[in-house]
Amino acid sequence: MARASDQLIEQLKHEIFSGLLKPGDQLEEADLAARFGVSRTPIREAIRSMVDCGLLETRPRKGAIIRVLSAKELNDLFEVAAELEGMACRLASEGLTQTAKKTIKVGLDQCQAATEAQDIPAYAAANIAFHSSIHQASGNNWLVEQLTQIQARINVYRLMPYEIVGRLETSLQEHKEICVAIFASDGLRANTLMRDHMMLQGQRLPSLLKTMK
């Protein structure tokens, strides 16, 4: 059963991070059991695990829903994420290998393609790949671990501003400027650009959260 629940968790995480499931969406045990062809036991195990890690919450008469963070919680998370993401950029710029550079460029190219296609789910996935490539390029495993934990909570919200007309293009341009700084070994500029990129994204969210209440 544990294996089935682990597979369910990974699939549900994918759907949350890609935007197929959004904050406030309800998860019905019966629907999930029918969809995945399993009993309710692994469904309940998966839901319990995702509640524990903060991706889901339970509400009376609603069961499990994709957790909706408060504006304060989101701001706090994005503040921490901005600092750590900036640090990752600085470290990446100081010890960038050719392999890491190619991986970052692949993520950037994926963002470019998704922007040209105006494909928001594809951009959301490419955005995660781009940021993750920078985390790995930092060479600091503790930092990567902390960012992974934070991303598990904020990725579901990161694609919300992409609904704003022109945001994909703006985000892509910010990514390009971050890459230029990293590739030029300008760690301080890369740090600042990434911090601004993350905080501007976070500041757009409170108004969008009101639409889910």
C-alpha atoms as a PDB file:
ATOM      1  CA  MET A   1       0.000   0.000   0.000  1.00  0.00           C
ATOM      2  CA  ALA A   2       2.843   2.353   0.810  1.00  0.00           C
ATOM      3  CA  ARG A   3       4.108   2.076  -2.760  1.00  0.00           C
ATOM      4  CA  ALA A   4       0.674   2.890  -4.180  1.00  0.00           C
ATOM      5  CA  SER A   5       0.346   5.906  -1.897  1.00  0.00           C
ATOM      6  CA  ASP A   6       3.833   7.135  -2.896  1.00  0.00           C
ATOM      7  CA  GLN A   7       2.853   6.975  -6.565  1.00  0.00           C
ATOM      8  CA  LEU A   8      -0.343   8.876  -5.798  1.00  0.00           C
ATOM      9  CA  ILE A   9       1.604  11.555  -3.963  1.00  0.00           C
ATOM     10  CA  GLU A  10       3.982  12.056  -6.888  1.00  0.00           C
ATOM     11  CA  GLN A  11       1.117  12.271  -9.380  1.00  0.00           C
ATOM     12  CA  LEU A  12      -0.862  14.726  -7.258  1.00  0.00           C
ATOM     13  CA  LYS A  13       2.249  16.850  -6.701  1.00  0.00           C
ATOM     14  CA  HIS A  14       2.797  16.957 -10.459  1.00  0.00           C
ATOM     15  CA  GLU A  15      -0.785  18.091 -11.018  1.00  0.00           C
ATOM     16  CA  ILE A  16      -0.506  20.758  -8.323  1.00  0.00           C
ATOM     17  CA  PHE A  17       2.825  22.139  -9.547  1.00  0.00           C
ATOM     18  CA  SER A  18       1.673  22.149 -13.190  1.00  0.00           C
ATOM     19  CA  GLY A  19      -1.523  24.004 -12.341  1.00  0.00           C
ATOM     20  CA  LEU A  20      -3.964  21.215 -13.158  1.00  0.00           C
ATOM     21  CA  LEU A  21      -4.983  21.397  -9.511  1.00  0.00           C
ATOM     22  CA  LYS A  22      -5.253  24.840  -7.957  1.00  0.00           C
ATOM     23  CA  PRO A  23      -5.450  26.200  -4.389  1.00  0.00           C
ATOM     24  CA  GLY A  24      -8.937  25.564  -3.039  1.00  0.00           C
ATOM     25  CA  ASP A  25      -9.690  22.599  -5.331  1.00  0.00           C
ATOM     26  CA  GLN A  26     -11.379  19.727  -3.510  1.00  0.00           C
ATOM     27  CA  LEU A  27     -10.129  16.136  -3.656  1.00  0.00           C
ATOM     28  CA  GLU A  28     -12.789  13.457  -3.368  1.00  0.00           C
ATOM     29  CA  GLU A  29     -11.608  10.064  -2.107  1.00  0.00           C
ATOM     30  CA  ALA A  30     -14.098   8.185  -4.265  1.00  0.00           C
ATOM     31  CA  ASP A  31     -13.090  10.070  -7.405  1.00  0.00           C
ATOM     32  CA  LEU A  32      -9.375   9.506  -6.770  1.00  0.00           C
ATOM     33  CA  ALA A  33      -9.927   5.799  -6.040  1.00  0.00           C
ATOM     34  CA  ALA A  34     -11.844   5.345  -9.280  1.00  0.00           C
ATOM     35  CA  ARG A  35      -9.366   7.366 -11.297  1.00  0.00           C
ATOM     36  CA  PHE A  36      -6.261   5.542 -10.069  1.00  0.00           C
ATOM     37  CA  GLY A  37      -7.905   2.137  -9.732  1.00  0.00           C
ATOM     38  CA  VAL A  38      -7.002   1.639  -6.072  1.00  0.00           C
ATOM     39  CA  SER A  39      -8.844   1.247  -2.794  1.00  0.00           C
ATOM     40  CA  ARG A  40      -9.440   4.177  -0.472  1.00  0.00           C
ATOM     41  CA  THR A  41      -6.645   3.075   1.893  1.00  0.00           C
ATOM     42  CA  PRO A  42      -3.700   4.347  -0.223  1.00  0.00           C
ATOM     43  CA  ILE A  43      -5.778   7.424  -1.095  1.00  0.00           C
ATOM     44  CA  ARG A  44      -6.151   8.241   2.596  1.00  0.00           C
ATOM     45  CA  GLU A  45      -2.453   7.555   3.213  1.00  0.00           C
ATOM     46  CA  ALA A  46      -1.476   9.913   0.382  1.00  0.00           C
ATOM     47  CA  ILE A  47      -3.835  12.633   1.578  1.00  0.00           C
ATOM     48  CA  ARG A  48      -2.587  12.330   5.162  1.00  0.00           C
ATOM     49  CA  SER A  49       1.034  12.624   4.008  1.00  0.00           C
ATOM     50  CA  MET A  50       0.278  15.672   1.862  1.00  0.00           C
ATOM     51  CA  VAL A  51      -1.589  17.322   4.730  1.00  0.00           C
ATOM     52  CA  ASP A  52       1.471  16.751   6.932  1.00  0.00           C
ATOM     53  CA  CYS A  53       3.781  18.424   4.387  1.00  0.00           C
ATOM     54  CA  GLY A  54       1.429  21.388   3.939  1.00  0.00           C
ATOM     55  CA  LEU A  55       0.211  20.837   0.387  1.00  0.00           C
ATOM     56  CA  LEU A  56      -3.320  19.842   1.424  1.00  0.00           C
ATOM     57  CA  GLU A  57      -5.625  20.769   4.269  1.00  0.00           C
ATOM     58  CA  THR A  58      -8.870  19.291   5.562  1.00  0.00           C
ATOM     59  CA  ARG A  59     -12.016  21.300   6.167  1.00  0.00           C
ATOM     60  CA  PRO A  60     -15.346  20.284   7.735  1.00  0.00           C
ATOM     61  CA  ARG A  61     -17.808  18.967   5.126  1.00  0.00           C
ATOM     62  CA  LYS A  62     -15.251  19.583   2.359  1.00  0.00           C
ATOM     63  CA  GLY A  63     -12.676  16.914   3.067  1.00  0.00           C
ATOM     64  CA  ALA A  64      -9.228  17.464   1.571  1.00  0.00           C
ATOM     65  CA  ILE A  65      -8.497  20.543  -0.516  1.00  0.00           C
ATOM     66  CA  ILE A  66      -5.378  22.049  -2.058  1.00  0.00           C
ATOM     67  CA  ARG A  67      -4.176  24.308   0.734  1.00  0.00           C
ATOM     68  CA  VAL A  68      -4.754  28.039   0.342  1.00  0.00           C
ATOM     69  CA  LEU A  69      -2.038  29.992   2.128  1.00  0.00           C
ATOM     70  CA  SER A  70      -2.755  33.371   3.661  1.00  0.00           C
ATOM     71  CA  ALA A  71      -1.183  36.517   2.213  1.00  0.00           C
ATOM     72  CA  LYS A  72       1.113  36.706   5.274  1.00  0.00           C
ATOM     73  CA  GLU A  73       2.231  33.088   4.879  1.00  0.00           C
ATOM     74  CA  LEU A  74       2.954  33.616   1.179  1.00  0.00           C
ATOM     75  CA  ASN A  75       4.856  36.830   1.784  1.00  0.00           C
ATOM     76  CA  ASP A  76       6.962  35.169   4.482  1.00  0.00           C
ATOM     77  CA  LEU A  77       7.716  32.187   2.237  1.00  0.00           C
ATOM     78  CA  PHE A  78       8.612  34.342  -0.753  1.00  0.00           C
ATOM     79  CA  GLU A  79      10.892  36.504   1.407  1.00  0.00           C
ATOM     80  CA  VAL A  80      12.854  33.430   2.473  1.00  0.00           C
ATOM     81  CA  ALA A  81      12.764  31.959  -1.038  1.00  0.00           C
ATOM     82  CA  ALA A  82      14.036  35.218  -2.532  1.00  0.00           C
ATOM     83  CA  GLU A  83      17.059  35.280  -0.242  1.00  0.00           C
ATOM     84  CA  LEU A  84      17.912  31.615  -0.794  1.00  0.00           C
ATOM     85  CA  GLU A  85      17.330  31.787  -4.561  1.00  0.00           C
ATOM     86  CA  GLY A  86      19.595  34.830  -4.719  1.00  0.00           C
ATOM     87  CA  MET A  87      22.248  32.965  -2.771  1.00  0.00           C
ATOM     88  CA  ALA A  88      21.978  30.042  -5.200  1.00  0.00           C
ATOM     89  CA  CYS A  89      22.588  32.415  -8.110  1.00  0.00           C
ATOM     90  CA  ARG A  90      25.645  33.897  -6.438  1.00  0.00           C
ATOM     91  CA  LEU A  91      27.143  30.489  -5.683  1.00  0.00           C
ATOM     92  CA  ALA A  92      26.313  29.215  -9.170  1.00  0.00           C
ATOM     93  CA  SER A  93      28.091  32.178 -10.739  1.00  0.00           C
ATOM     94  CA  GLU A  94      31.210  31.581  -8.645  1.00  0.00           C
ATOM     95  CA  GLY A  95      31.698  27.936  -9.575  1.00  0.00           C
ATOM     96  CA  LEU A  96      29.783  27.451 -12.812  1.00  0.00           C
ATOM     97  CA  THR A  97      30.731  24.376 -14.807  1.00  0.00           C
ATOM     98  CA  GLN A  98      30.036  23.924 -18.500  1.00  0.00           C
ATOM     99  CA  THR A  99      27.582  21.132 -17.678  1.00  0.00           C
ATOM    100  CA  ALA A 100      25.655  23.337 -15.248  1.00  0.00           C
ATOM    101  CA  LYS A 101      25.648  26.190 -17.761  1.00  0.00           C
ATOM    102  CA  LYS A 102      24.134  23.936 -20.415  1.00  0.00           C
ATOM    103  CA  THR A 103      21.437  22.731 -17.994  1.00  0.00           C
ATOM    104  CA  ILE A 104      20.502  26.293 -17.052  1.00  0.00           C
ATOM    105  CA  LYS A 105      20.372  27.215 -20.749  1.00  0.00           C
ATOM    106  CA  VAL A 106      18.046  24.269 -21.443  1.00  0.00           C
ATOM    107  CA  GLY A 107      15.660  25.559 -18.773  1.00  0.00           C
ATOM    108  CA  LEU A 108      15.812  29.048 -20.254  1.00  0.00           C
ATOM    109  CA  ASP A 109      15.138  27.720 -23.758  1.00  0.00           C
ATOM    110  CA  GLN A 110      12.107  25.818 -22.435  1.00  0.00           C
ATOM    111  CA  CYS A 111      10.799  29.060 -20.918  1.00  0.00           C
ATOM    112  CA  GLN A 112      11.338  30.774 -24.269  1.00  0.00           C
ATOM    113  CA  ALA A 113       9.402  28.092 -26.176  1.00  0.00           C
ATOM    114  CA  ALA A 114       6.525  28.120 -23.691  1.00  0.00           C
ATOM    115  CA  THR A 115       6.324  31.914 -23.873  1.00  0.00           C
ATOM    116  CA  GLU A 116       6.190  31.883 -27.657  1.00  0.00           C
ATOM    117  CA  ALA A 117       3.403  29.298 -27.486  1.00  0.00           C
ATOM    118  CA  GLN A 118       1.634  31.180 -24.659  1.00  0.00           C
ATOM    119  CA  ASP A 119       1.431  27.819 -22.891  1.00  0.00           C
ATOM    120  CA  ILE A 120       1.069  28.597 -19.176  1.00  0.00           C
ATOM    121  CA  PRO A 121       1.327  24.995 -17.861  1.00  0.00           C
ATOM    122  CA  ALA A 122       4.426  24.436 -19.998  1.00  0.00           C
ATOM    123  CA  TYR A 123       5.935  27.690 -18.723  1.00  0.00           C
ATOM    124  CA  ALA A 124       5.190  26.674 -15.132  1.00  0.00           C
ATOM    125  CA  ALA A 125       7.103  23.407 -15.654  1.00  0.00           C
ATOM    126  CA  ALA A 126       9.938  25.177 -17.488  1.00  0.00           C
ATOM    127  CA  ASN A 127      10.159  27.781 -14.730  1.00  0.00           C
ATOM    128  CA  ILE A 128      10.624  25.076 -12.105  1.00  0.00           C
ATOM    129  CA  ALA A 129      13.285  23.387 -14.265  1.00  0.00           C
ATOM    130  CA  PHE A 130      15.102  26.711 -14.749  1.00  0.00           C
ATOM    131  CA  HIS A 131      15.179  27.568 -11.050  1.00  0.00           C
ATOM    132  CA  SER A 132      16.099  23.994 -10.069  1.00  0.00           C
ATOM    133  CA  SER A 133      19.033  24.010 -12.490  1.00  0.00           C
ATOM    134  CA  ILE A 134      20.412  27.088 -10.728  1.00  0.00           C
ATOM    135  CA  HIS A 135      19.912  25.449  -7.330  1.00  0.00           C
ATOM    136  CA  GLN A 136      21.927  22.421  -8.465  1.00  0.00           C
ATOM    137  CA  ALA A 137      24.592  24.663  -9.992  1.00  0.00           C
ATOM    138  CA  SER A 138      25.135  26.276  -6.579  1.00  0.00           C
ATOM    139  CA  GLY A 139      26.848  23.076  -5.443  1.00  0.00           C
ATOM    140  CA  ASN A 140      25.425  23.489  -1.938  1.00  0.00           C
ATOM    141  CA  ASN A 141      23.318  20.459  -1.016  1.00  0.00           C
ATOM    142  CA  TRP A 142      21.949  22.021   2.172  1.00  0.00           C
ATOM    143  CA  LEU A 143      20.749  25.016   0.192  1.00  0.00           C
ATOM    144  CA  VAL A 144      19.157  22.756  -2.431  1.00  0.00           C
ATOM    145  CA  GLU A 145      17.337  20.838   0.306  1.00  0.00           C
ATOM    146  CA  GLN A 146      15.926  24.013   1.864  1.00  0.00           C
ATOM    147  CA  LEU A 147      14.803  25.373  -1.498  1.00  0.00           C
ATOM    148  CA  THR A 148      13.158  22.052  -2.352  1.00  0.00           C
ATOM    149  CA  GLN A 149      11.086  22.235   0.833  1.00  0.00           C
ATOM    150  CA  ILE A 150      10.058  25.837   0.151  1.00  0.00           C
ATOM    151  CA  GLN A 151       9.221  25.130  -3.487  1.00  0.00           C
ATOM    152  CA  ALA A 152       6.878  22.336  -2.416  1.00  0.00           C
ATOM    153  CA  ARG A 153       4.771  25.043  -0.770  1.00  0.00           C
ATOM    154  CA  ILE A 154       5.042  27.928  -3.231  1.00  0.00           C
ATOM    155  CA  ASN A 155       5.149  26.231  -6.641  1.00  0.00           C
ATOM    156  CA  VAL A 156       1.370  25.864  -6.638  1.00  0.00           C
ATOM    157  CA  TYR A 157       1.146  29.675  -6.473  1.00  0.00           C
ATOM    158  CA  ARG A 158       3.968  30.626  -8.805  1.00  0.00           C
ATOM    159  CA  LEU A 159       1.960  30.180 -11.978  1.00  0.00           C
ATOM    160  CA  MET A 160      -0.953  32.369 -10.809  1.00  0.00           C
ATOM    161  CA  PRO A 161       0.626  35.660 -11.982  1.00  0.00           C
ATOM    162  CA  TYR A 162       1.155  34.095 -15.414  1.00  0.00           C
ATOM    163  CA  GLU A 163      -2.539  34.687 -16.083  1.00  0.00           C
ATOM    164  CA  ILE A 164      -1.747  38.417 -16.191  1.00  0.00           C
ATOM    165  CA  VAL A 165      -1.311  39.600 -19.779  1.00  0.00           C
ATOM    166  CA  GLY A 166       2.377  40.046 -20.576  1.00  0.00           C
ATOM    167  CA  ARG A 167       3.662  38.301 -17.445  1.00  0.00           C
ATOM    168  CA  LEU A 168       5.222  35.398 -19.337  1.00  0.00           C
ATOM    169  CA  GLU A 169       7.249  37.808 -21.446  1.00  0.00           C
ATOM    170  CA  THR A 170       8.318  39.781 -18.361  1.00  0.00           C
ATOM    171  CA  SER A 171       9.296  36.644 -16.454  1.00  0.00           C
ATOM    172  CA  LEU A 172      11.281  35.357 -19.436  1.00  0.00           C
ATOM    173  CA  GLN A 173      13.178  38.644 -19.732  1.00  0.00           C
ATOM    174  CA  GLU A 174      14.003  38.516 -16.026  1.00  0.00           C
ATOM    175  CA  HIS A 175      15.283  34.974 -16.483  1.00  0.00           C
ATOM    176  CA  LYS A 176      17.482  36.090 -19.371  1.00  0.00           C
ATOM    177  CA  GLU A 177      19.004  38.901 -17.302  1.00  0.00           C
ATOM    178  CA  ILE A 178      19.676  36.490 -14.437  1.00  0.00           C
ATOM    179  CA  CYS A 179      21.433  34.120 -16.858  1.00  0.00           C
ATOM    180  CA  VAL A 180      23.594  36.902 -18.278  1.00  0.00           C
ATOM    181  CA  ALA A 181      24.765  37.798 -14.760  1.00  0.00           C
ATOM    182  CA  ILE A 182      25.434  34.181 -13.758  1.00  0.00           C
ATOM    183  CA  PHE A 183      27.301  33.412 -16.992  1.00  0.00           C
ATOM    184  CA  ALA A 184      29.374  36.582 -16.547  1.00  0.00           C
ATOM    185  CA  SER A 185      30.341  35.480 -13.009  1.00  0.00           C
ATOM    186  CA  ASP A 186      28.647  38.596 -11.617  1.00  0.00           C
ATOM    187  CA  GLY A 187      27.369  36.993  -8.435  1.00  0.00           C
ATOM    188  CA  LEU A 188      26.156  40.153  -6.722  1.00  0.00           C
ATOM    189  CA  ARG A 189      24.062  41.226  -9.708  1.00  0.00           C
ATOM    190  CA  ALA A 190      22.681  37.717 -10.198  1.00  0.00           C
ATOM    191  CA  ASN A 191      21.753  37.648  -6.509  1.00  0.00           C
ATOM    192  CA  THR A 192      19.947  40.998  -6.704  1.00  0.00           C
ATOM    193  CA  LEU A 193      18.131  40.191  -9.942  1.00  0.00           C
ATOM    194  CA  MET A 194      16.835  36.873  -8.585  1.00  0.00           C
ATOM    195  CA  ARG A 195      15.724  38.413  -5.290  1.00  0.00           C
ATOM    196  CA  ASP A 196      13.795  41.106  -7.154  1.00  0.00           C
ATOM    197  CA  HIS A 197      12.315  38.489  -9.518  1.00  0.00           C
ATOM    198  CA  MET A 198      11.031  36.396  -6.609  1.00  0.00           C
ATOM    199  CA  MET A 199       9.713  39.281  -4.520  1.00  0.00           C
ATOM    200  CA  LEU A 200       7.856  40.914  -7.408  1.00  0.00           C
ATOM    201  CA  GLN A 201       6.226  37.580  -8.104  1.00  0.00           C
ATOM    202  CA  GLY A 202       5.226  37.216  -4.471  1.00  0.00           C
ATOM    203  CA  GLN A 203       3.836  40.728  -4.247  1.00  0.00           C
ATOM    204  CA  ARG A 204       1.335  40.017  -7.019  1.00  0.00           C
ATOM    205  CA  LEU A 205      -0.229  37.105  -5.171  1.00  0.00           C
ATOM    206  CA  PRO A 206      -2.348  38.685  -2.391  1.00  0.00           C
ATOM    207  CA  SER A 207      -4.748  40.267  -4.879  1.00  0.00           C
ATOM    208  CA  LEU A 208      -5.017  36.993  -6.794  1.00  0.00           C
ATOM    209  CA  LEU A 209      -5.744  35.079  -3.576  1.00  0.00           C
ATOM    210  CA  LYS A 210      -8.891  37.129  -3.043  1.00  0.00           C
ATOM    211  CA  THR A 211     -10.438  35.476  -6.072  1.00  0.00           C
ATOM    212  CA  MET A 212     -10.237  32.094  -4.332  1.00  0.00           C
ATOM    213  CA  LYS A 213     -12.141  33.113  -1.197  1.00  0.00           C
END
